[in-house]
Amino acid sequence: MNQIVVNPNLNNKFSSLDLLKIINQVRQEFGEPVIRPNDFYARVQDELEGEHYESFVVNNPNKTVTQAANLDHDQCLVISMRESKGVRRKVLEVLKAQHVQPVRIPQTFAEALQLAADQAHQLELAAPKVNFYDTVVERTTLMNTTQVAQKIKLSAKKLNKILDDLGVYSKAVLRGRVFRQWFIEKDLGIMRQTEVGYSQPMFTTKGEAWIVEEITKKGLV
């Protein structure tokens, strides 16, 4: 990936347009479609409902208007969570590397050494936070079949029958249900091991959206 540089302002904020630039470049690397700026702003509004952030508009040369917002580092992380696992990890790496405080120009050699030490310490502290988002947030957004079925007003048994017909589960496994590889590779679901050692299929939010789309498109309910 080409290096992407974003410029925090004096309040250590990032423009949502800068964040979108990072996300879209990574999405293209993974073969995913880019997000339009105003669609991305709608995502910002949805994810940060009730939080404080500064909104602004950009007047484009074609006389259209693009809405955007100034976001802090944590808000950027939250918004990035909607991306697929591969995209999310790369975006978080970029955000972690570029999470710096407003530039302070050292006046002496001693201050320069201290500044370098402070920046190294900031990067070290940022690593656990990124790991938290990548593991804890991922885990809390996974859903089992019953949870997905409840959202679309079906029984788990009915939903599993539909998913069988759609080729989601492997027919080679007779006991229990296991996702086929294509379903996992598209980041629609993962296999997790329960506390007692059993394998359990878990759906991502992307997988949930895929199920709703397929059921609606095919008129399965």
C-alpha atoms as a PDB file:
ATOM      1  CA  MET A   1       0.000   0.000   0.000  1.00  0.00           C
ATOM      2  CA  ASN A   2       1.275   3.449  -0.866  1.00  0.00           C
ATOM      3  CA  GLN A   3       1.946   5.524   2.200  1.00  0.00           C
ATOM      4  CA  ILE A   4      -0.989   7.748   3.084  1.00  0.00           C
ATOM      5  CA  VAL A   5      -0.329  10.879   5.068  1.00  0.00           C
ATOM      6  CA  VAL A   6      -3.094  12.765   6.817  1.00  0.00           C
ATOM      7  CA  ASN A   7      -2.579  16.056   8.566  1.00  0.00           C
ATOM      8  CA  PRO A   8      -4.117  16.589  12.020  1.00  0.00           C
ATOM      9  CA  ASN A   9      -4.972  20.191  12.750  1.00  0.00           C
ATOM     10  CA  LEU A  10      -3.940  22.020  15.890  1.00  0.00           C
ATOM     11  CA  ASN A  11      -6.613  20.212  17.909  1.00  0.00           C
ATOM     12  CA  ASN A  12      -5.271  16.823  16.759  1.00  0.00           C
ATOM     13  CA  LYS A  13      -8.378  16.163  14.647  1.00  0.00           C
ATOM     14  CA  PHE A  14      -8.718  14.303  11.364  1.00  0.00           C
ATOM     15  CA  SER A  15     -11.059  15.245   8.566  1.00  0.00           C
ATOM     16  CA  SER A  16     -13.522  12.478   7.720  1.00  0.00           C
ATOM     17  CA  LEU A  17     -12.434  13.060   4.115  1.00  0.00           C
ATOM     18  CA  ASP A  18      -8.874  12.121   5.084  1.00  0.00           C
ATOM     19  CA  LEU A  19     -10.163   9.014   6.847  1.00  0.00           C
ATOM     20  CA  LEU A  20     -12.251   8.135   3.789  1.00  0.00           C
ATOM     21  CA  LYS A  21      -9.170   8.546   1.593  1.00  0.00           C
ATOM     22  CA  ILE A  22      -7.366   5.931   3.696  1.00  0.00           C
ATOM     23  CA  ILE A  23     -10.329   3.544   3.773  1.00  0.00           C
ATOM     24  CA  ASN A  24     -11.035   3.779   0.046  1.00  0.00           C
ATOM     25  CA  GLN A  25      -7.416   3.123  -0.887  1.00  0.00           C
ATOM     26  CA  VAL A  26      -7.340   0.026   1.314  1.00  0.00           C
ATOM     27  CA  ARG A  27     -10.751  -1.120   0.035  1.00  0.00           C
ATOM     28  CA  GLN A  28      -9.432  -0.960  -3.527  1.00  0.00           C
ATOM     29  CA  GLU A  29      -6.492  -3.146  -2.543  1.00  0.00           C
ATOM     30  CA  PHE A  30      -8.967  -5.755  -1.300  1.00  0.00           C
ATOM     31  CA  GLY A  31     -11.141  -5.478  -4.402  1.00  0.00           C
ATOM     32  CA  GLU A  32     -13.962  -3.723  -2.564  1.00  0.00           C
ATOM     33  CA  PRO A  33     -15.904  -0.756  -4.002  1.00  0.00           C
ATOM     34  CA  VAL A  34     -15.051   2.736  -2.816  1.00  0.00           C
ATOM     35  CA  ILE A  35     -17.429   4.708  -0.605  1.00  0.00           C
ATOM     36  CA  ARG A  36     -18.817   8.041  -1.762  1.00  0.00           C
ATOM     37  CA  PRO A  37     -18.072  10.999   0.547  1.00  0.00           C
ATOM     38  CA  ASN A  38     -21.673  11.818   1.410  1.00  0.00           C
ATOM     39  CA  ASP A  39     -22.447   8.139   2.055  1.00  0.00           C
ATOM     40  CA  PHE A  40     -19.447   8.046   4.358  1.00  0.00           C
ATOM     41  CA  TYR A  41     -20.677  11.136   6.200  1.00  0.00           C
ATOM     42  CA  ALA A  42     -23.979   9.324   6.784  1.00  0.00           C
ATOM     43  CA  ARG A  43     -21.944   6.528   8.373  1.00  0.00           C
ATOM     44  CA  VAL A  44     -20.200   9.088  10.600  1.00  0.00           C
ATOM     45  CA  GLN A  45     -23.552  10.441  11.753  1.00  0.00           C
ATOM     46  CA  ASP A  46     -24.858   6.939  12.472  1.00  0.00           C
ATOM     47  CA  GLU A  47     -21.788   5.699  14.363  1.00  0.00           C
ATOM     48  CA  LEU A  48     -21.240   8.884  16.369  1.00  0.00           C
ATOM     49  CA  GLU A  49     -24.849   9.632  17.261  1.00  0.00           C
ATOM     50  CA  GLY A  50     -24.865  11.541  20.531  1.00  0.00           C
ATOM     51  CA  GLU A  51     -21.130  12.322  20.395  1.00  0.00           C
ATOM     52  CA  HIS A  52     -19.594  15.740  19.825  1.00  0.00           C
ATOM     53  CA  TYR A  53     -17.823  16.447  16.542  1.00  0.00           C
ATOM     54  CA  GLU A  54     -17.514  19.429  14.236  1.00  0.00           C
ATOM     55  CA  SER A  55     -19.263  19.225  10.849  1.00  0.00           C
ATOM     56  CA  PHE A  56     -18.428  21.279   7.778  1.00  0.00           C
ATOM     57  CA  VAL A  57     -19.199  21.355   4.054  1.00  0.00           C
ATOM     58  CA  VAL A  58     -16.956  21.477   1.007  1.00  0.00           C
ATOM     59  CA  ASN A  59     -18.174  23.289  -2.123  1.00  0.00           C
ATOM     60  CA  ASN A  60     -17.090  21.223  -5.119  1.00  0.00           C
ATOM     61  CA  PRO A  61     -16.165  22.633  -8.556  1.00  0.00           C
ATOM     62  CA  ASN A  62     -19.239  20.959 -10.108  1.00  0.00           C
ATOM     63  CA  LYS A  63     -21.439  23.011  -7.744  1.00  0.00           C
ATOM     64  CA  THR A  64     -22.284  20.067  -5.501  1.00  0.00           C
ATOM     65  CA  VAL A  65     -21.667  20.035  -1.751  1.00  0.00           C
ATOM     66  CA  THR A  66     -19.794  17.396   0.240  1.00  0.00           C
ATOM     67  CA  GLN A  67     -20.509  17.049   3.958  1.00  0.00           C
ATOM     68  CA  ALA A  68     -17.650  16.142   6.278  1.00  0.00           C
ATOM     69  CA  ALA A  69     -16.573  16.224   9.926  1.00  0.00           C
ATOM     70  CA  ASN A  70     -13.478  16.728  12.061  1.00  0.00           C
ATOM     71  CA  LEU A  71     -12.900  13.600  14.148  1.00  0.00           C
ATOM     72  CA  ASP A  72     -10.591  12.645  16.973  1.00  0.00           C
ATOM     73  CA  HIS A  73      -8.499   9.490  16.852  1.00  0.00           C
ATOM     74  CA  ASP A  74     -10.936   7.303  18.820  1.00  0.00           C
ATOM     75  CA  GLN A  75     -13.840   8.386  16.606  1.00  0.00           C
ATOM     76  CA  CYS A  76     -11.832   7.388  13.531  1.00  0.00           C
ATOM     77  CA  LEU A  77     -11.281   3.950  15.066  1.00  0.00           C
ATOM     78  CA  VAL A  78     -14.975   3.482  15.825  1.00  0.00           C
ATOM     79  CA  ILE A  79     -16.034   4.424  12.296  1.00  0.00           C
ATOM     80  CA  SER A  80     -13.441   2.073  10.791  1.00  0.00           C
ATOM     81  CA  MET A  81     -15.010  -0.887  12.596  1.00  0.00           C
ATOM     82  CA  ARG A  82     -17.642  -1.329   9.889  1.00  0.00           C
ATOM     83  CA  GLU A  83     -15.012  -2.456   7.417  1.00  0.00           C
ATOM     84  CA  SER A  84     -14.197  -6.089   6.668  1.00  0.00           C
ATOM     85  CA  LYS A  85     -11.464  -7.650   8.786  1.00  0.00           C
ATOM     86  CA  GLY A  86      -8.628  -7.227   6.285  1.00  0.00           C
ATOM     87  CA  VAL A  87      -9.512  -3.633   5.424  1.00  0.00           C
ATOM     88  CA  ARG A  88     -10.044  -2.756   9.077  1.00  0.00           C
ATOM     89  CA  ARG A  89      -6.643  -4.038  10.144  1.00  0.00           C
ATOM     90  CA  LYS A  90      -4.773  -2.079   7.488  1.00  0.00           C
ATOM     91  CA  VAL A  91      -6.722   1.103   8.220  1.00  0.00           C
ATOM     92  CA  LEU A  92      -5.996   0.751  11.938  1.00  0.00           C
ATOM     93  CA  GLU A  93      -2.286   0.321  11.195  1.00  0.00           C
ATOM     94  CA  VAL A  94      -2.285   3.607   9.275  1.00  0.00           C
ATOM     95  CA  LEU A  95      -4.229   5.420  11.990  1.00  0.00           C
ATOM     96  CA  LYS A  96      -1.944   4.089  14.711  1.00  0.00           C
ATOM     97  CA  ALA A  97       1.181   5.171  12.834  1.00  0.00           C
ATOM     98  CA  GLN A  98      -0.195   8.658  12.223  1.00  0.00           C
ATOM     99  CA  HIS A  99      -1.695   9.279  15.680  1.00  0.00           C
ATOM    100  CA  VAL A 100       0.573  12.127  16.793  1.00  0.00           C
ATOM    101  CA  GLN A 101       0.117  15.191  18.909  1.00  0.00           C
ATOM    102  CA  PRO A 102       0.369  18.713  17.421  1.00  0.00           C
ATOM    103  CA  VAL A 103       3.933  19.371  16.328  1.00  0.00           C
ATOM    104  CA  ARG A 104       6.159  20.943  18.966  1.00  0.00           C
ATOM    105  CA  ILE A 105       9.421  22.316  17.571  1.00  0.00           C
ATOM    106  CA  PRO A 106      12.316  21.518  19.939  1.00  0.00           C
ATOM    107  CA  GLN A 107      14.582  24.418  20.813  1.00  0.00           C
ATOM    108  CA  THR A 108      17.538  22.430  22.131  1.00  0.00           C
ATOM    109  CA  PHE A 109      19.176  19.069  21.506  1.00  0.00           C
ATOM    110  CA  ALA A 110      17.842  17.822  24.844  1.00  0.00           C
ATOM    111  CA  GLU A 111      14.291  18.781  23.857  1.00  0.00           C
ATOM    112  CA  ALA A 112      14.720  16.986  20.536  1.00  0.00           C
ATOM    113  CA  LEU A 113      15.726  13.791  22.344  1.00  0.00           C
ATOM    114  CA  GLN A 114      12.782  14.119  24.714  1.00  0.00           C
ATOM    115  CA  LEU A 115      10.364  14.665  21.827  1.00  0.00           C
ATOM    116  CA  ALA A 116      11.605  11.511  20.095  1.00  0.00           C
ATOM    117  CA  ALA A 117      11.195   9.535  23.317  1.00  0.00           C
ATOM    118  CA  ASP A 118       7.670  10.909  23.847  1.00  0.00           C
ATOM    119  CA  GLN A 119       6.563   9.957  20.331  1.00  0.00           C
ATOM    120  CA  ALA A 120       7.954   6.431  20.704  1.00  0.00           C
ATOM    121  CA  HIS A 121       6.064   6.094  23.988  1.00  0.00           C
ATOM    122  CA  GLN A 122       2.816   7.258  22.339  1.00  0.00           C
ATOM    123  CA  LEU A 123       3.095   4.580  19.660  1.00  0.00           C
ATOM    124  CA  GLU A 124       3.755   1.956  22.314  1.00  0.00           C
ATOM    125  CA  LEU A 125       0.648   3.000  24.238  1.00  0.00           C
ATOM    126  CA  ALA A 126      -1.468   3.020  21.087  1.00  0.00           C
ATOM    127  CA  ALA A 127      -0.827  -0.646  20.274  1.00  0.00           C
ATOM    128  CA  PRO A 128      -3.041  -2.148  23.035  1.00  0.00           C
ATOM    129  CA  LYS A 129      -5.895   0.164  22.022  1.00  0.00           C
ATOM    130  CA  VAL A 130      -5.747  -1.033  18.411  1.00  0.00           C
ATOM    131  CA  ASN A 131      -5.614  -4.645  19.585  1.00  0.00           C
ATOM    132  CA  PHE A 132      -8.681  -3.957  21.727  1.00  0.00           C
ATOM    133  CA  TYR A 133     -10.653  -2.730  18.744  1.00  0.00           C
ATOM    134  CA  ASP A 134      -9.454  -5.585  16.576  1.00  0.00           C
ATOM    135  CA  THR A 135     -10.382  -8.342  19.052  1.00  0.00           C
ATOM    136  CA  VAL A 136     -12.980  -7.148  21.556  1.00  0.00           C
ATOM    137  CA  VAL A 137     -15.069  -5.132  19.107  1.00  0.00           C
ATOM    138  CA  GLU A 138     -14.853  -7.913  16.553  1.00  0.00           C
ATOM    139  CA  ARG A 139     -16.012 -10.450  19.103  1.00  0.00           C
ATOM    140  CA  THR A 140     -18.947  -8.386  20.325  1.00  0.00           C
ATOM    141  CA  THR A 141     -20.273  -7.842  16.783  1.00  0.00           C
ATOM    142  CA  LEU A 142     -20.362 -11.558  15.927  1.00  0.00           C
ATOM    143  CA  MET A 143     -23.796 -13.210  16.015  1.00  0.00           C
ATOM    144  CA  ASN A 144     -24.961 -16.809  16.176  1.00  0.00           C
ATOM    145  CA  THR A 145     -27.780 -18.207  14.038  1.00  0.00           C
ATOM    146  CA  THR A 146     -30.447 -17.586  16.669  1.00  0.00           C
ATOM    147  CA  GLN A 147     -29.492 -13.914  17.011  1.00  0.00           C
ATOM    148  CA  VAL A 148     -29.564 -13.350  13.245  1.00  0.00           C
ATOM    149  CA  ALA A 149     -32.862 -15.243  12.925  1.00  0.00           C
ATOM    150  CA  GLN A 150     -34.502 -13.136  15.638  1.00  0.00           C
ATOM    151  CA  LYS A 151     -33.599  -9.935  13.798  1.00  0.00           C
ATOM    152  CA  ILE A 152     -35.402 -11.088  10.663  1.00  0.00           C
ATOM    153  CA  LYS A 153     -38.293 -12.700  12.567  1.00  0.00           C
ATOM    154  CA  LEU A 154     -37.459 -16.320  11.733  1.00  0.00           C
ATOM    155  CA  SER A 155     -36.710 -19.366  13.846  1.00  0.00           C
ATOM    156  CA  ALA A 156     -33.121 -20.579  13.918  1.00  0.00           C
ATOM    157  CA  LYS A 157     -34.297 -23.881  12.372  1.00  0.00           C
ATOM    158  CA  LYS A 158     -35.942 -22.072   9.447  1.00  0.00           C
ATOM    159  CA  LEU A 159     -32.912 -19.861   8.874  1.00  0.00           C
ATOM    160  CA  ASN A 160     -30.558 -22.847   8.925  1.00  0.00           C
ATOM    161  CA  LYS A 161     -32.719 -24.575   6.290  1.00  0.00           C
ATOM    162  CA  ILE A 162     -32.486 -21.475   4.091  1.00  0.00           C
ATOM    163  CA  LEU A 163     -28.711 -21.268   4.588  1.00  0.00           C
ATOM    164  CA  ASP A 164     -28.420 -24.958   3.682  1.00  0.00           C
ATOM    165  CA  ASP A 165     -30.272 -24.268   0.426  1.00  0.00           C
ATOM    166  CA  LEU A 166     -27.977 -21.282  -0.253  1.00  0.00           C
ATOM    167  CA  GLY A 167     -24.897 -23.489   0.130  1.00  0.00           C
ATOM    168  CA  VAL A 168     -23.586 -21.698   3.218  1.00  0.00           C
ATOM    169  CA  TYR A 169     -22.919 -24.854   5.238  1.00  0.00           C
ATOM    170  CA  SER A 170     -20.621 -27.701   4.274  1.00  0.00           C
ATOM    171  CA  LYS A 171     -22.396 -30.942   3.409  1.00  0.00           C
ATOM    172  CA  ALA A 172     -19.234 -32.900   4.201  1.00  0.00           C
ATOM    173  CA  VAL A 173     -19.749 -32.353   7.934  1.00  0.00           C
ATOM    174  CA  LEU A 174     -22.637 -34.453   9.206  1.00  0.00           C
ATOM    175  CA  ARG A 175     -22.531 -33.503  12.886  1.00  0.00           C
ATOM    176  CA  GLY A 176     -22.933 -29.813  13.546  1.00  0.00           C
ATOM    177  CA  ARG A 177     -22.788 -26.988  11.048  1.00  0.00           C
ATOM    178  CA  VAL A 178     -19.602 -25.644   9.473  1.00  0.00           C
ATOM    179  CA  PHE A 179     -19.342 -22.759   7.033  1.00  0.00           C
ATOM    180  CA  ARG A 180     -18.070 -23.488   3.564  1.00  0.00           C
ATOM    181  CA  GLN A 181     -14.754 -21.829   2.734  1.00  0.00           C
ATOM    182  CA  TRP A 182     -16.186 -19.270   0.301  1.00  0.00           C
ATOM    183  CA  PHE A 183     -18.443 -17.907   3.043  1.00  0.00           C
ATOM    184  CA  ILE A 184     -15.486 -17.421   5.390  1.00  0.00           C
ATOM    185  CA  GLU A 185     -13.237 -15.922   2.703  1.00  0.00           C
ATOM    186  CA  LYS A 186     -15.855 -13.265   1.960  1.00  0.00           C
ATOM    187  CA  ASP A 187     -15.758 -12.303   5.667  1.00  0.00           C
ATOM    188  CA  LEU A 188     -19.419 -13.245   6.068  1.00  0.00           C
ATOM    189  CA  GLY A 189     -18.770 -15.557   8.996  1.00  0.00           C
ATOM    190  CA  ILE A 190     -16.143 -17.380  11.026  1.00  0.00           C
ATOM    191  CA  MET A 191     -15.916 -20.611  12.988  1.00  0.00           C
ATOM    192  CA  ARG A 192     -15.332 -20.073  16.698  1.00  0.00           C
ATOM    193  CA  GLN A 193     -14.644 -22.615  19.431  1.00  0.00           C
ATOM    194  CA  THR A 194     -16.956 -22.500  22.444  1.00  0.00           C
ATOM    195  CA  GLU A 195     -15.722 -22.699  26.021  1.00  0.00           C
ATOM    196  CA  VAL A 196     -16.500 -26.415  26.090  1.00  0.00           C
ATOM    197  CA  GLY A 197     -14.589 -27.095  22.881  1.00  0.00           C
ATOM    198  CA  TYR A 198     -17.368 -27.252  20.268  1.00  0.00           C
ATOM    199  CA  SER A 199     -17.144 -25.445  16.910  1.00  0.00           C
ATOM    200  CA  GLN A 200     -19.787 -22.770  16.423  1.00  0.00           C
ATOM    201  CA  PRO A 201     -20.577 -20.796  13.240  1.00  0.00           C
ATOM    202  CA  MET A 202     -20.725 -17.056  13.936  1.00  0.00           C
ATOM    203  CA  PHE A 203     -21.923 -14.408  11.488  1.00  0.00           C
ATOM    204  CA  THR A 204     -20.298 -11.014  10.979  1.00  0.00           C
ATOM    205  CA  THR A 205     -22.417  -7.904  10.456  1.00  0.00           C
ATOM    206  CA  LYS A 206     -21.474  -8.206   6.779  1.00  0.00           C
ATOM    207  CA  GLY A 207     -22.775 -11.772   6.856  1.00  0.00           C
ATOM    208  CA  GLU A 208     -26.043 -10.654   8.436  1.00  0.00           C
ATOM    209  CA  ALA A 209     -26.502  -8.067   5.679  1.00  0.00           C
ATOM    210  CA  TRP A 210     -25.779 -10.722   3.043  1.00  0.00           C
ATOM    211  CA  ILE A 211     -28.420 -13.041   4.527  1.00  0.00           C
ATOM    212  CA  VAL A 212     -31.077 -10.316   4.547  1.00  0.00           C
ATOM    213  CA  GLU A 213     -30.239  -9.383   0.953  1.00  0.00           C
ATOM    214  CA  GLU A 214     -30.382 -12.995  -0.282  1.00  0.00           C
ATOM    215  CA  ILE A 215     -33.641 -13.757   1.529  1.00  0.00           C
ATOM    216  CA  THR A 216     -35.247 -10.587   0.177  1.00  0.00           C
ATOM    217  CA  LYS A 217     -33.909 -11.039  -3.368  1.00  0.00           C
ATOM    218  CA  LYS A 218     -34.986 -14.661  -3.620  1.00  0.00           C
ATOM    219  CA  GLY A 219     -38.302 -14.184  -1.749  1.00  0.00           C
ATOM    220  CA  LEU A 220     -37.478 -17.012   0.636  1.00  0.00           C
ATOM    221  CA  VAL A 221     -39.836 -15.855   3.398  1.00  0.00           C
END
